[in-house]
PDB file of N, CA and C in Angstrom:
ATOM      1  N   MET A   1      -9.740   8.254 -21.075  1.00  0.00           N
ATOM      2  CA  MET A   1      -8.681   9.124 -20.629  1.00  0.00           C
ATOM      3  C   MET A   1      -7.572   8.270 -20.025  1.00  0.00           C
ATOM      4  N   VAL A   2      -6.326   8.615 -20.304  1.00  0.00           N
ATOM      5  CA  VAL A   2      -5.206   7.831 -19.791  1.00  0.00           C
ATOM      6  C   VAL A   2      -5.117   7.953 -18.276  1.00  0.00           C
ATOM      7  N   CYS A   3      -4.453   6.988 -17.683  1.00  0.00           N
ATOM      8  CA  CYS A   3      -4.285   6.934 -16.233  1.00  0.00           C
ATOM      9  C   CYS A   3      -2.808   6.742 -15.934  1.00  0.00           C
ATOM     10  N   TRP A   4      -2.227   7.671 -15.184  1.00  0.00           N
ATOM     11  CA  TRP A   4      -0.827   7.606 -14.783  1.00  0.00           C
ATOM     12  C   TRP A   4      -0.816   7.113 -13.345  1.00  0.00           C
ATOM     13  N   ALA A   5      -0.283   5.926 -13.102  1.00  0.00           N
ATOM     14  CA  ALA A   5      -0.276   5.333 -11.766  1.00  0.00           C
ATOM     15  C   ALA A   5       1.131   5.364 -11.185  1.00  0.00           C
ATOM     16  N   MET A   6       1.229   5.657  -9.900  1.00  0.00           N
ATOM     17  CA  MET A   6       2.506   5.654  -9.198  1.00  0.00           C
ATOM     18  C   MET A   6       2.367   4.785  -7.951  1.00  0.00           C
ATOM     19  N   LEU A   7       3.291   3.843  -7.803  1.00  0.00           N
ATOM     20  CA  LEU A   7       3.293   2.958  -6.641  1.00  0.00           C
ATOM     21  C   LEU A   7       4.663   3.011  -5.986  1.00  0.00           C
ATOM     22  N   GLU A   8       4.703   3.276  -4.713  1.00  0.00           N
ATOM     23  CA  GLU A   8       5.956   3.202  -3.961  1.00  0.00           C
ATOM     24  C   GLU A   8       5.966   1.855  -3.247  1.00  0.00           C
ATOM     25  N   LEU A   9       6.965   1.038  -3.567  1.00  0.00           N
ATOM     26  CA  LEU A   9       7.071  -0.304  -3.002  1.00  0.00           C
ATOM     27  C   LEU A   9       8.290  -0.335  -2.090  1.00  0.00           C
ATOM     28  N   GLN A  10       8.081  -0.627  -0.824  1.00  0.00           N
ATOM     29  CA  GLN A  10       9.182  -0.645   0.129  1.00  0.00           C
ATOM     30  C   GLN A  10       9.654  -2.061   0.382  1.00  0.00           C
ATOM     31  N   GLY A  11      10.966  -2.193   0.432  1.00  0.00           N
ATOM     32  CA  GLY A  11      11.610  -3.477   0.662  1.00  0.00           C
ATOM     33  C   GLY A  11      13.056  -3.369   0.223  1.00  0.00           C
ATOM     34  N   GLU A  12      13.738  -4.495   0.130  1.00  0.00           N
ATOM     35  CA  GLU A  12      15.117  -4.504  -0.350  1.00  0.00           C
ATOM     36  C   GLU A  12      15.110  -4.189  -1.848  1.00  0.00           C
ATOM     37  N   THR A  13      15.775  -3.113  -2.211  1.00  0.00           N
ATOM     38  CA  THR A  13      15.738  -2.635  -3.600  1.00  0.00           C
ATOM     39  C   THR A  13      16.148  -3.704  -4.608  1.00  0.00           C
ATOM     40  N   PRO A  14      17.273  -4.415  -4.419  1.00  0.00           N
ATOM     41  CA  PRO A  14      17.649  -5.441  -5.409  1.00  0.00           C
ATOM     42  C   PRO A  14      16.597  -6.541  -5.562  1.00  0.00           C
ATOM     43  N   ALA A  15      15.985  -6.948  -4.473  1.00  0.00           N
ATOM     44  CA  ALA A  15      14.956  -7.989  -4.531  1.00  0.00           C
ATOM     45  C   ALA A  15      13.719  -7.485  -5.280  1.00  0.00           C
ATOM     46  N   LEU A  16      13.345  -6.238  -5.054  1.00  0.00           N
ATOM     47  CA  LEU A  16      12.195  -5.669  -5.757  1.00  0.00           C
ATOM     48  C   LEU A  16      12.488  -5.493  -7.242  1.00  0.00           C
ATOM     49  N   MET A  17      13.711  -5.095  -7.582  1.00  0.00           N
ATOM     50  CA  MET A  17      14.080  -4.948  -8.994  1.00  0.00           C
ATOM     51  C   MET A  17      14.015  -6.310  -9.699  1.00  0.00           C
ATOM     52  N   ALA A  18      14.559  -7.337  -9.061  1.00  0.00           N
ATOM     53  CA  ALA A  18      14.544  -8.676  -9.648  1.00  0.00           C
ATOM     54  C   ALA A  18      13.108  -9.193  -9.792  1.00  0.00           C
ATOM     55  N   ALA A  19      12.295  -8.971  -8.771  1.00  0.00           N
ATOM     56  CA  ALA A  19      10.898  -9.407  -8.828  1.00  0.00           C
ATOM     57  C   ALA A  19      10.146  -8.658  -9.922  1.00  0.00           C
ATOM     58  N   SER A  20      10.453  -7.386 -10.106  1.00  0.00           N
ATOM     59  CA  SER A  20       9.802  -6.602 -11.158  1.00  0.00           C
ATOM     60  C   SER A  20      10.131  -7.150 -12.542  1.00  0.00           C
ATOM     61  N   GLU A  21      11.391  -7.503 -12.757  1.00  0.00           N
ATOM     62  CA  GLU A  21      11.792  -8.094 -14.043  1.00  0.00           C
ATOM     63  C   GLU A  21      11.052  -9.414 -14.281  1.00  0.00           C
ATOM     64  N   GLU A  22      10.967 -10.224 -13.238  1.00  0.00           N
ATOM     65  CA  GLU A  22      10.272 -11.510 -13.367  1.00  0.00           C
ATOM     66  C   GLU A  22       8.776 -11.292 -13.587  1.00  0.00           C
ATOM     67  N   LEU A  23       8.207 -10.319 -12.915  1.00  0.00           N
ATOM     68  CA  LEU A  23       6.786 -10.006 -13.102  1.00  0.00           C
ATOM     69  C   LEU A  23       6.517  -9.581 -14.542  1.00  0.00           C
ATOM     70  N   ASP A  24       7.375  -8.734 -15.105  1.00  0.00           N
ATOM     71  CA  ASP A  24       7.212  -8.312 -16.506  1.00  0.00           C
ATOM     72  C   ASP A  24       7.324  -9.494 -17.466  1.00  0.00           C
ATOM     73  N   ARG A  25       8.186 -10.446 -17.134  1.00  0.00           N
ATOM     74  CA  ARG A  25       8.328 -11.630 -17.968  1.00  0.00           C
ATOM     75  C   ARG A  25       7.056 -12.470 -17.942  1.00  0.00           C
ATOM     76  N   ARG A  26       6.457 -12.580 -16.775  1.00  0.00           N
ATOM     77  CA  ARG A  26       5.268 -13.415 -16.607  1.00  0.00           C
ATOM     78  C   ARG A  26       3.993 -12.745 -17.119  1.00  0.00           C
ATOM     79  N   LEU A  27       3.917 -11.437 -16.950  1.00  0.00           N
ATOM     80  CA  LEU A  27       2.691 -10.716 -17.286  1.00  0.00           C
ATOM     81  C   LEU A  27       3.068  -9.305 -17.732  1.00  0.00           C
ATOM     82  N   PRO A  28       3.210  -9.091 -19.028  1.00  0.00           N
ATOM     83  CA  PRO A  28       3.630  -7.773 -19.516  1.00  0.00           C
ATOM     84  C   PRO A  28       2.718  -6.650 -19.000  1.00  0.00           C
ATOM     85  N   ALA A  29       3.354  -5.561 -18.638  1.00  0.00           N
ATOM     86  CA  ALA A  29       2.648  -4.389 -18.108  1.00  0.00           C
ATOM     87  C   ALA A  29       2.700  -3.261 -19.138  1.00  0.00           C
ATOM     88  N   PRO A  30       1.945  -2.211 -18.896  1.00  0.00           N
ATOM     89  CA  PRO A  30       1.989  -1.075 -19.822  1.00  0.00           C
ATOM     90  C   PRO A  30       3.324  -0.340 -19.715  1.00  0.00           C
ATOM     91  N   GLU A  31       3.522   0.616 -20.586  1.00  0.00           N
ATOM     92  CA  GLU A  31       4.737   1.416 -20.541  1.00  0.00           C
ATOM     93  C   GLU A  31       4.893   2.034 -19.168  1.00  0.00           C
ATOM     94  N   GLY A  32       6.122   2.134 -18.721  1.00  0.00           N
ATOM     95  CA  GLY A  32       6.337   2.714 -17.410  1.00  0.00           C
ATOM     96  C   GLY A  32       7.797   2.921 -17.104  1.00  0.00           C
ATOM     97  N   LEU A  33       8.043   3.245 -15.868  1.00  0.00           N
ATOM     98  CA  LEU A  33       9.382   3.543 -15.383  1.00  0.00           C
ATOM     99  C   LEU A  33       9.497   2.981 -13.974  1.00  0.00           C
ATOM    100  N   LEU A  34      10.610   2.355 -13.689  1.00  0.00           N
ATOM    101  CA  LEU A  34      10.893   1.831 -12.361  1.00  0.00           C
ATOM    102  C   LEU A  34      12.122   2.559 -11.844  1.00  0.00           C
ATOM    103  N   ALA A  35      11.987   3.244 -10.719  1.00  0.00           N
ATOM    104  CA  ALA A  35      13.094   4.025 -10.150  1.00  0.00           C
ATOM    105  C   ALA A  35      13.487   3.458  -8.793  1.00  0.00           C
ATOM    106  N   ARG A  36      14.788   3.357  -8.589  1.00  0.00           N
ATOM    107  CA  ARG A  36      15.306   2.904  -7.287  1.00  0.00           C
ATOM    108  C   ARG A  36      15.207   4.034  -6.277  1.00  0.00           C
ATOM    109  N   ILE A  37      14.854   3.688  -5.041  1.00  0.00           N
ATOM    110  CA  ILE A  37      14.920   4.622  -3.927  1.00  0.00           C
ATOM    111  C   ILE A  37      15.639   3.896  -2.790  1.00  0.00           C
ATOM    112  N   ASP A  38      15.970   4.617  -1.731  1.00  0.00           N
ATOM    113  CA  ASP A  38      16.761   4.032  -0.645  1.00  0.00           C
ATOM    114  C   ASP A  38      16.138   2.780  -0.038  1.00  0.00           C
ATOM    115  N   ASP A  39      14.831   2.780   0.096  1.00  0.00           N
ATOM    116  CA  ASP A  39      14.168   1.655   0.764  1.00  0.00           C
ATOM    117  C   ASP A  39      13.186   0.932  -0.143  1.00  0.00           C
ATOM    118  N   GLY A  40      13.516   0.842  -1.452  1.00  0.00           N
ATOM    119  CA  GLY A  40      12.652   0.119  -2.373  1.00  0.00           C
ATOM    120  C   GLY A  40      12.687   0.685  -3.772  1.00  0.00           C
ATOM    121  N   VAL A  41      11.516   0.766  -4.392  1.00  0.00           N
ATOM    122  CA  VAL A  41      11.389   1.278  -5.756  1.00  0.00           C
ATOM    123  C   VAL A  41      10.106   2.094  -5.867  1.00  0.00           C
ATOM    124  N   VAL A  42      10.072   2.945  -6.870  1.00  0.00           N
ATOM    125  CA  VAL A  42       8.843   3.640  -7.243  1.00  0.00           C
ATOM    126  C   VAL A  42       8.530   3.220  -8.671  1.00  0.00           C
ATOM    127  N   LEU A  43       7.313   2.788  -8.887  1.00  0.00           N
ATOM    128  CA  LEU A  43       6.858   2.323 -10.194  1.00  0.00           C
ATOM    129  C   LEU A  43       5.854   3.326 -10.748  1.00  0.00           C
ATOM    130  N   PHE A  44       6.102   3.785 -11.965  1.00  0.00           N
ATOM    131  CA  PHE A  44       5.173   4.653 -12.679  1.00  0.00           C
ATOM    132  C   PHE A  44       4.680   3.865 -13.892  1.00  0.00           C
ATOM    133  N   GLN A  45       3.383   3.829 -14.108  1.00  0.00           N
ATOM    134  CA  GLN A  45       2.806   3.121 -15.259  1.00  0.00           C
ATOM    135  C   GLN A  45       1.783   4.012 -15.946  1.00  0.00           C
ATOM    136  N   LEU A  46       1.777   3.968 -17.270  1.00  0.00           N
ATOM    137  CA  LEU A  46       0.819   4.722 -18.067  1.00  0.00           C
ATOM    138  C   LEU A  46      -0.199   3.732 -18.639  1.00  0.00           C
ATOM    139  N   TRP A  47      -1.420   3.784 -18.133  1.00  0.00           N
ATOM    140  CA  TRP A  47      -2.501   2.903 -18.559  1.00  0.00           C
ATOM    141  C   TRP A  47      -3.393   3.635 -19.546  1.00  0.00           C
ATOM    142  N   GLU A  48      -4.070   2.894 -20.432  1.00  0.00           N
ATOM    143  CA  GLU A  48      -4.967   3.514 -21.417  1.00  0.00           C
ATOM    144  C   GLU A  48      -6.164   4.170 -20.743  1.00  0.00           C
ATOM    145  N   SER A  49      -6.538   3.665 -19.546  1.00  0.00           N
ATOM    146  CA  SER A  49      -7.650   4.246 -18.783  1.00  0.00           C
ATOM    147  C   SER A  49      -7.585   3.717 -17.351  1.00  0.00           C
ATOM    148  N   SER A  50      -8.310   4.370 -16.463  1.00  0.00           N
ATOM    149  CA  SER A  50      -8.361   3.871 -15.089  1.00  0.00           C
ATOM    150  C   SER A  50      -9.088   2.521 -15.040  1.00  0.00           C
ATOM    151  N   ALA A  51     -10.039   2.330 -15.963  1.00  0.00           N
ATOM    152  CA  ALA A  51     -10.749   1.042 -16.026  1.00  0.00           C
ATOM    153  C   ALA A  51      -9.793  -0.078 -16.423  1.00  0.00           C
ATOM    154  N   ALA A  52      -8.862   0.192 -17.338  1.00  0.00           N
ATOM    155  CA  ALA A  52      -7.879  -0.817 -17.750  1.00  0.00           C
ATOM    156  C   ALA A  52      -6.963  -1.175 -16.583  1.00  0.00           C
ATOM    157  N   ARG A  53      -6.561  -0.183 -15.809  1.00  0.00           N
ATOM    158  CA  ARG A  53      -5.720  -0.435 -14.639  1.00  0.00           C
ATOM    159  C   ARG A  53      -6.491  -1.271 -13.625  1.00  0.00           C
ATOM    160  N   GLN A  54      -7.752  -0.954 -13.419  1.00  0.00           N
ATOM    161  CA  GLN A  54      -8.570  -1.693 -12.465  1.00  0.00           C
ATOM    162  C   GLN A  54      -8.787  -3.134 -12.918  1.00  0.00           C
ATOM    163  N   ARG A  55      -9.061  -3.329 -14.208  1.00  0.00           N
ATOM    164  CA  ARG A  55      -9.231  -4.704 -14.734  1.00  0.00           C
ATOM    165  C   ARG A  55      -7.971  -5.526 -14.478  1.00  0.00           C
ATOM    166  N   ASN A  56      -6.813  -4.932 -14.705  1.00  0.00           N
ATOM    167  CA  ASN A  56      -5.555  -5.635 -14.475  1.00  0.00           C
ATOM    168  C   ASN A  56      -5.408  -5.999 -12.999  1.00  0.00           C
ATOM    169  N   ALA A  57      -5.712  -5.058 -12.125  1.00  0.00           N
ATOM    170  CA  ALA A  57      -5.574  -5.301 -10.685  1.00  0.00           C
ATOM    171  C   ALA A  57      -6.496  -6.425 -10.212  1.00  0.00           C
ATOM    172  N   GLU A  58      -7.653  -6.565 -10.849  1.00  0.00           N
ATOM    173  CA  GLU A  58      -8.631  -7.578 -10.446  1.00  0.00           C
ATOM    174  C   GLU A  58      -8.449  -8.913 -11.161  1.00  0.00           C
ATOM    175  N   ASP A  59      -7.552  -8.974 -12.129  1.00  0.00           N
ATOM    176  CA  ASP A  59      -7.333 -10.189 -12.917  1.00  0.00           C
ATOM    177  C   ASP A  59      -6.622 -11.237 -12.058  1.00  0.00           C
ATOM    178  N   PRO A  60      -7.189 -12.435 -11.924  1.00  0.00           N
ATOM    179  CA  PRO A  60      -6.533 -13.487 -11.137  1.00  0.00           C
ATOM    180  C   PRO A  60      -5.121 -13.799 -11.641  1.00  0.00           C
ATOM    181  N   ALA A  61      -4.871 -13.659 -12.930  1.00  0.00           N
ATOM    182  CA  ALA A  61      -3.532 -13.908 -13.467  1.00  0.00           C
ATOM    183  C   ALA A  61      -2.529 -12.896 -12.915  1.00  0.00           C
ATOM    184  N   HIS A  62      -2.981 -11.692 -12.655  1.00  0.00           N
ATOM    185  CA  HIS A  62      -2.108 -10.662 -12.082  1.00  0.00           C
ATOM    186  C   HIS A  62      -1.721 -11.047 -10.657  1.00  0.00           C
ATOM    187  N   ALA A  63      -2.700 -11.461  -9.863  1.00  0.00           N
ATOM    188  CA  ALA A  63      -2.421 -11.884  -8.486  1.00  0.00           C
ATOM    189  C   ALA A  63      -1.470 -13.078  -8.464  1.00  0.00           C
ATOM    190  N   GLU A  64      -1.675 -14.015  -9.376  1.00  0.00           N
ATOM    191  CA  GLU A  64      -0.799 -15.186  -9.463  1.00  0.00           C
ATOM    192  C   GLU A  64       0.624 -14.776  -9.839  1.00  0.00           C
ATOM    193  N   ALA A  65       0.747 -13.855 -10.794  1.00  0.00           N
ATOM    194  CA  ALA A  65       2.070 -13.403 -11.225  1.00  0.00           C
ATOM    195  C   ALA A  65       2.786 -12.639 -10.120  1.00  0.00           C
ATOM    196  N   LEU A  66       2.052 -11.853  -9.312  1.00  0.00           N
ATOM    197  CA  LEU A  66       2.672 -11.146  -8.190  1.00  0.00           C
ATOM    198  C   LEU A  66       3.313 -12.114  -7.206  1.00  0.00           C
ATOM    199  N   THR A  67       2.632 -13.210  -6.949  1.00  0.00           N
ATOM    200  CA  THR A  67       3.161 -14.222  -6.032  1.00  0.00           C
ATOM    201  C   THR A  67       4.311 -14.990  -6.670  1.00  0.00           C
ATOM    202  N   ALA A  68       4.103 -15.486  -7.876  1.00  0.00           N
ATOM    203  CA  ALA A  68       5.105 -16.314  -8.541  1.00  0.00           C
ATOM    204  C   ALA A  68       6.397 -15.553  -8.855  1.00  0.00           C
ATOM    205  N   SER A  69       6.306 -14.256  -9.077  1.00  0.00           N
ATOM    206  CA  SER A  69       7.504 -13.457  -9.399  1.00  0.00           C
ATOM    207  C   SER A  69       8.351 -13.161  -8.166  1.00  0.00           C
ATOM    208  N   GLY A  70       7.775 -13.359  -6.991  1.00  0.00           N
ATOM    209  CA  GLY A  70       8.471 -13.018  -5.751  1.00  0.00           C
ATOM    210  C   GLY A  70       8.217 -11.590  -5.305  1.00  0.00           C
ATOM    211  N   MET A  71       7.371 -10.860  -6.013  1.00  0.00           N
ATOM    212  CA  MET A  71       7.106  -9.472  -5.666  1.00  0.00           C
ATOM    213  C   MET A  71       6.488  -9.335  -4.275  1.00  0.00           C
ATOM    214  N   LEU A  72       5.489 -10.131  -3.987  1.00  0.00           N
ATOM    215  CA  LEU A  72       4.835 -10.021  -2.672  1.00  0.00           C
ATOM    216  C   LEU A  72       5.804 -10.354  -1.540  1.00  0.00           C
ATOM    217  N   ALA A  73       6.645 -11.345  -1.757  1.00  0.00           N
ATOM    218  CA  ALA A  73       7.620 -11.730  -0.724  1.00  0.00           C
ATOM    219  C   ALA A  73       8.685 -10.661  -0.538  1.00  0.00           C
ATOM    220  N   ALA A  74       8.972  -9.875  -1.576  1.00  0.00           N
ATOM    221  CA  ALA A  74      10.019  -8.847  -1.498  1.00  0.00           C
ATOM    222  C   ALA A  74       9.553  -7.581  -0.798  1.00  0.00           C
ATOM    223  N   LEU A  75       8.251  -7.412  -0.650  1.00  0.00           N
ATOM    224  CA  LEU A  75       7.724  -6.206  -0.009  1.00  0.00           C
ATOM    225  C   LEU A  75       7.928  -6.233   1.492  1.00  0.00           C
ATOM    226  N   SER A  76       8.299  -5.085   2.055  1.00  0.00           N
ATOM    227  CA  SER A  76       8.362  -4.945   3.515  1.00  0.00           C
ATOM    228  C   SER A  76       6.953  -4.876   4.046  1.00  0.00           C
ATOM    229  N   ARG A  77       6.728  -5.458   5.133  1.00  0.00           N
ATOM    230  CA  ARG A  77       5.379  -5.446   5.722  1.00  0.00           C
ATOM    231  C   ARG A  77       5.368  -4.581   6.954  1.00  0.00           C
TER     232      ARG A  77
END
């Protein structure tokens, strides 16, 4: 069964948009939509299954790409 994931990422919107583009370049993601909001972005992704989304989240290459793309640094803490 497909899995529709929504993530609200808070931080400087331009920095998050740039990091998202770099993340997609480093590690292609499933079809989705990235929407700007006042304090960040909302990411919607359509995964083939919840297991596929979980495998991606647990993949060391995903964690490496999050750091290398600047995504983690762009998030508000």
